[in-house]
Amino acid sequence: MKLKLFLGAAGLYVVAMAVVAGLIFNFNTASVSVLRRVKELGEKNAPLPTAEMKTLTEACAGKVTPGGPRSIAAYVAKLPGMKPSLEKDYYFIDEAVIGVHEVFRLDLSERHLDEISDAQLPRFQDVADFTGWSRHLGWARSGNPELRELQYLVVARYESLTMPVVADTTFEAGTGRFGARVLAFPSGDVVCEGRSEVSMQGNVNSSGRGATKELAQLEAAASARSLVPFVFTKAVVTTPLHRVCEAGGEKLCDLTHEWVGR
């Protein structure tokens, strides 16, 4: 009798694992579908800037209904010409979706969509422990960035980019002009369009360690110099969203402002 009860309980647990795995897979599939729609709309609709365009913030004033931080995201389309040389392969400046994601706190999140993989079945260890089912289901359902509540998509295209020039303890900020449209999502209807320029923080700070205060300061300065290209790439993908961040409320503007200088 005990063996039958054990086998029955084990069978129910296996069935529950299969159900959870199926739900996670379905959520992941839906997330991939949204990412593909984001990239499709971005590559099709992102404009180059023109002199006739108003600034993006001016053109969209009063045309976007404010919502929560998840109600708007941005996609930066492929550059029309050669990309600047980047020091590390995890820096990216186009084919990127930028939104918010929450694990321990709400944060800005970026994904490089040069290749969008098909949804995969979850790992066995992710569904074997029932105490983690709620967490893994929540992560799969929300996606990264979280686009379930998306109402607007900013699609931007830079005509060119110039990397920052670092000299000793200072740097000359990088530059770039872009055109952008705000689209209703997922329909793709155009809400407004305009132009703007990339903006990055004027200071890049870092910490350092050393046997003396002077050595620690030298290490911090060297570390800050090496971070300048990274900060610029973050500014490139964040600026289009920041220009219309009011659509996502104060929390979103605070997050985008961390990478945009003005």
Protein backbone atom coordinates (compact mmCIF):
# COMPACT_ATOMS: atom_id res chain seq x y z
CA MET A 1 0.00 0.00 0.00
CA LYS A 2 2.82 2.41 0.92
CA LEU A 3 4.59 1.58 -2.34
CA LYS A 4 1.44 2.36 -4.33
CA LEU A 5 1.06 5.68 -2.52
CA PHE A 6 4.71 6.50 -3.20
CA LEU A 7 4.44 5.60 -6.87
CA GLY A 8 1.22 7.59 -7.17
CA ALA A 9 2.78 10.66 -5.56
CA ALA A 10 5.87 10.32 -7.73
CA GLY A 11 3.68 10.06 -10.82
CA LEU A 12 1.74 13.19 -9.89
CA TYR A 13 5.01 15.04 -9.28
CA VAL A 14 6.31 14.04 -12.70
CA VAL A 15 3.07 15.22 -14.29
CA ALA A 16 3.32 18.53 -12.41
CA MET A 17 6.93 18.94 -13.58
CA ALA A 18 5.82 18.36 -17.16
CA VAL A 19 3.05 20.95 -16.83
CA VAL A 20 5.43 23.53 -15.37
CA ALA A 21 7.99 22.81 -18.09
CA GLY A 22 5.29 23.22 -20.73
CA LEU A 23 4.15 26.54 -19.29
CA ILE A 24 7.71 27.86 -19.13
CA PHE A 25 8.28 26.81 -22.74
CA ASN A 26 5.05 28.50 -23.86
CA PHE A 27 5.96 31.71 -22.01
CA ASN A 28 9.44 31.67 -23.55
CA THR A 29 7.93 31.10 -26.99
CA ALA A 30 5.63 34.10 -26.51
CA SER A 31 8.62 36.22 -25.40
CA VAL A 32 10.60 35.24 -28.49
CA SER A 33 7.60 36.14 -30.65
CA VAL A 34 7.46 39.62 -29.09
CA LEU A 35 11.21 40.14 -29.60
CA ARG A 36 10.88 39.20 -33.26
CA ARG A 37 8.00 41.66 -33.65
CA VAL A 38 10.11 44.37 -32.01
CA LYS A 39 12.99 43.77 -34.41
CA GLU A 40 10.68 43.52 -37.42
CA LEU A 41 9.01 46.85 -36.63
CA GLY A 42 12.33 48.48 -35.80
CA GLU A 43 14.17 47.52 -38.95
CA LYS A 44 11.16 48.37 -41.12
CA ASN A 45 10.22 51.72 -39.57
CA ALA A 46 13.29 53.30 -37.97
CA PRO A 47 14.09 56.45 -40.02
CA LEU A 48 17.30 58.33 -40.60
CA PRO A 49 17.24 61.92 -39.29
CA THR A 50 16.34 64.77 -41.63
CA ALA A 51 16.52 68.55 -41.25
CA GLU A 52 12.74 68.79 -41.65
CA MET A 53 12.07 66.69 -38.56
CA LYS A 54 11.25 68.33 -35.24
CA THR A 55 13.15 67.14 -32.21
CA LEU A 56 11.75 63.83 -31.01
CA THR A 57 10.66 65.20 -27.63
CA GLU A 58 8.89 68.15 -29.26
CA ALA A 59 7.23 66.05 -31.96
CA CYS A 60 5.83 63.56 -29.45
CA ALA A 61 4.66 66.04 -26.80
CA GLY A 62 1.05 65.30 -25.91
CA LYS A 63 0.77 62.41 -28.38
CA VAL A 64 1.77 59.54 -26.08
CA THR A 65 -0.44 58.49 -23.19
CA PRO A 66 1.67 58.16 -20.00
CA GLY A 67 1.75 54.73 -18.40
CA GLY A 68 4.02 52.61 -16.25
CA PRO A 69 7.73 51.98 -16.89
CA ARG A 70 6.90 48.78 -18.81
CA SER A 71 4.56 50.54 -21.22
CA ILE A 72 7.33 51.80 -23.53
CA ALA A 73 10.60 50.35 -24.85
CA ALA A 74 13.05 51.23 -27.60
CA TYR A 75 14.75 49.47 -30.49
CA VAL A 76 17.92 50.79 -32.13
CA ALA A 77 18.12 49.62 -35.75
CA LYS A 78 21.15 48.66 -37.82
CA LEU A 79 23.55 51.44 -38.72
CA PRO A 80 23.40 52.24 -42.45
CA GLY A 81 27.20 52.29 -42.74
CA MET A 82 30.24 50.85 -40.99
CA LYS A 83 30.04 50.41 -37.24
CA PRO A 84 32.71 52.02 -35.06
CA SER A 85 35.32 49.61 -33.77
CA LEU A 86 34.41 48.46 -30.25
CA GLU A 87 36.92 47.05 -27.81
CA LYS A 88 34.77 44.22 -26.46
CA ASP A 89 32.24 42.00 -28.19
CA TYR A 90 29.61 42.53 -25.50
CA TYR A 91 29.39 46.25 -26.29
CA PHE A 92 26.64 46.84 -28.84
CA ILE A 93 25.18 49.95 -30.46
CA ASP A 94 22.46 48.66 -32.77
CA GLU A 95 19.95 45.82 -33.18
CA ALA A 96 19.17 46.34 -29.50
CA VAL A 97 15.93 46.41 -27.53
CA ILE A 98 15.92 48.51 -24.36
CA GLY A 99 13.29 48.27 -21.65
CA VAL A 100 13.03 47.46 -17.97
CA HIS A 101 13.37 44.22 -16.06
CA GLU A 102 12.78 43.44 -12.41
CA VAL A 103 14.52 40.72 -10.40
CA PHE A 104 15.47 42.32 -7.09
CA ARG A 105 14.66 45.86 -8.26
CA LEU A 106 13.49 47.62 -11.41
CA ASP A 107 16.46 48.12 -13.74
CA LEU A 108 17.12 49.15 -17.31
CA SER A 109 17.74 46.09 -19.47
CA GLU A 110 19.19 45.76 -22.98
CA ARG A 111 19.22 42.79 -25.34
CA HIS A 112 21.20 42.45 -28.53
CA LEU A 113 18.86 41.04 -31.18
CA ASP A 114 21.41 40.33 -33.93
CA GLU A 115 20.23 36.72 -33.64
CA ILE A 116 17.00 35.64 -31.95
CA SER A 117 17.12 31.99 -30.94
CA ASP A 118 14.05 29.79 -30.79
CA ALA A 119 12.59 29.13 -27.35
CA GLN A 120 14.21 26.19 -25.57
CA LEU A 121 12.72 23.71 -23.12
CA PRO A 122 13.68 24.61 -19.54
CA ARG A 123 16.55 22.79 -17.87
CA PHE A 124 15.67 19.79 -15.71
CA GLN A 125 17.07 21.45 -12.58
CA ASP A 126 14.77 24.43 -13.13
CA VAL A 127 11.63 22.31 -12.85
CA ALA A 128 12.81 19.53 -10.53
CA ASP A 129 12.59 21.70 -7.40
CA PHE A 130 8.98 22.71 -6.77
CA THR A 131 10.10 25.56 -4.49
CA GLY A 132 11.41 27.38 -7.58
CA TRP A 133 8.39 26.86 -9.83
CA SER A 134 6.79 30.21 -9.08
CA ARG A 135 10.07 32.07 -9.63
CA HIS A 136 10.91 30.38 -12.94
CA LEU A 137 7.35 30.75 -14.22
CA GLY A 138 7.42 34.46 -13.34
CA TRP A 139 10.75 35.03 -15.10
CA ALA A 140 9.61 33.17 -18.22
CA ARG A 141 6.28 35.01 -18.36
CA SER A 142 7.82 38.48 -17.95
CA GLY A 143 10.71 38.02 -20.40
CA ASN A 144 13.82 40.19 -20.41
CA PRO A 145 13.23 43.07 -20.98
CA GLU A 146 9.65 42.84 -19.72
CA LEU A 147 7.48 43.55 -22.75
CA ARG A 148 4.10 42.07 -21.73
CA GLU A 149 2.67 45.53 -21.00
CA LEU A 150 4.26 47.25 -23.99
CA GLN A 151 2.06 49.92 -25.57
CA TYR A 152 4.70 51.98 -27.40
CA LEU A 153 7.93 51.15 -29.16
CA VAL A 154 10.52 53.82 -30.02
CA VAL A 155 12.40 52.76 -33.16
CA ALA A 156 15.58 54.72 -33.85
CA ARG A 157 18.33 54.68 -36.47
CA TYR A 158 21.65 56.50 -36.23
CA GLU A 159 23.06 57.89 -39.46
CA SER A 160 26.60 57.52 -38.03
CA LEU A 161 28.47 57.40 -34.74
CA THR A 162 31.79 58.85 -33.64
CA MET A 163 33.43 57.20 -30.63
CA PRO A 164 34.70 59.24 -27.65
CA VAL A 165 38.35 60.34 -27.65
CA VAL A 166 40.14 59.72 -24.36
CA ALA A 167 43.11 61.89 -23.36
CA ASP A 168 44.76 61.42 -19.96
CA THR A 169 42.04 62.11 -17.36
CA THR A 170 39.51 63.68 -19.73
CA PHE A 171 37.58 62.60 -22.79
CA GLU A 172 35.77 64.20 -25.67
CA ALA A 173 32.25 62.82 -25.80
CA GLY A 174 31.19 60.69 -28.75
CA THR A 175 28.56 61.95 -31.16
CA GLY A 176 25.72 60.62 -33.28
CA ARG A 177 22.44 61.82 -34.81
CA PHE A 178 19.38 59.62 -35.09
CA GLY A 179 15.87 59.68 -36.43
CA ALA A 180 13.11 57.93 -34.50
CA ARG A 181 9.44 57.03 -34.63
CA VAL A 182 7.19 56.13 -31.73
CA LEU A 183 4.95 53.26 -32.79
CA ALA A 184 1.87 51.80 -31.18
CA PHE A 185 2.68 48.21 -30.22
CA PRO A 186 2.11 45.64 -31.62
CA SER A 187 0.20 47.25 -34.51
CA GLY A 188 3.10 49.43 -35.66
CA ASP A 189 0.93 52.51 -36.26
CA VAL A 190 3.05 55.69 -36.23
CA VAL A 191 2.30 57.99 -33.27
CA CYS A 192 5.03 60.59 -33.88
CA GLU A 193 8.53 60.97 -35.32
CA GLY A 194 11.51 63.23 -34.84
CA ARG A 195 15.29 63.51 -34.60
CA SER A 196 17.81 63.82 -31.80
CA GLU A 197 21.44 63.24 -30.86
CA VAL A 198 23.17 60.80 -28.55
CA SER A 199 23.95 62.17 -25.12
CA MET A 200 26.31 60.65 -22.55
CA GLN A 201 27.39 61.53 -19.03
CA GLY A 202 30.20 64.08 -18.87
CA ASN A 203 31.98 62.20 -16.08
CA VAL A 204 32.96 58.53 -15.88
CA ASN A 205 33.90 57.46 -12.37
CA SER A 206 35.57 54.33 -11.06
CA SER A 207 37.30 53.10 -7.91
CA GLY A 208 40.81 51.76 -7.48
CA ARG A 209 43.08 50.08 -4.96
CA GLY A 210 46.72 50.69 -4.19
CA ALA A 211 49.37 50.74 -1.48
CA THR A 212 49.03 54.51 -1.30
CA LYS A 213 46.25 56.99 -1.97
CA GLU A 214 48.08 58.22 -5.08
CA LEU A 215 48.38 54.69 -6.52
CA ALA A 216 44.70 54.02 -5.83
CA GLN A 217 43.78 57.25 -7.61
CA LEU A 218 45.93 56.29 -10.62
CA GLU A 219 44.24 52.89 -10.84
CA ALA A 220 40.80 54.50 -10.56
CA ALA A 221 41.65 56.96 -13.34
CA ALA A 222 42.90 54.16 -15.62
CA SER A 223 39.76 52.12 -14.92
CA ALA A 224 37.54 55.12 -15.67
CA ARG A 225 39.32 55.71 -19.00
CA SER A 226 38.72 52.09 -20.02
CA LEU A 227 35.01 52.47 -19.19
CA VAL A 228 34.42 55.44 -21.51
CA PRO A 229 33.57 53.32 -24.63
CA PHE A 230 31.20 51.19 -22.55
CA VAL A 231 29.41 54.24 -21.13
CA PHE A 232 29.10 55.63 -24.67
CA THR A 233 27.50 52.42 -26.01
CA LYS A 234 25.02 52.50 -23.12
CA ALA A 235 24.21 56.13 -23.97
CA VAL A 236 23.72 55.26 -27.66
CA VAL A 237 21.04 52.66 -26.96
CA THR A 238 19.44 54.55 -24.05
CA THR A 239 19.11 58.08 -25.51
CA PRO A 240 16.14 57.34 -27.86
CA LEU A 241 14.14 55.92 -24.97
CA HIS A 242 15.16 58.77 -22.65
CA ARG A 243 13.87 61.39 -25.10
CA VAL A 244 10.31 60.12 -24.57
CA CYS A 245 10.74 58.48 -21.16
CA GLU A 246 7.87 60.54 -19.72
CA ALA A 247 5.59 58.01 -21.37
CA GLY A 248 6.89 55.49 -18.82
CA GLY A 249 6.79 57.82 -15.84
CA GLU A 250 9.34 59.11 -13.36
CA LYS A 251 10.84 55.69 -12.58
CA LEU A 252 11.74 55.08 -16.20
CA CYS A 253 13.21 58.57 -16.63
CA ASP A 254 15.37 58.03 -13.54
CA LEU A 255 16.74 54.79 -15.02
CA THR A 256 17.49 56.20 -18.46
CA HIS A 257 19.01 59.37 -16.99
CA GLU A 258 21.78 57.27 -15.41
CA TRP A 259 23.32 56.85 -18.89
CA VAL A 260 22.24 60.08 -20.60
CA GLY A 261 23.97 63.31 -19.72
CA ARG A 262 21.22 65.81 -20.43
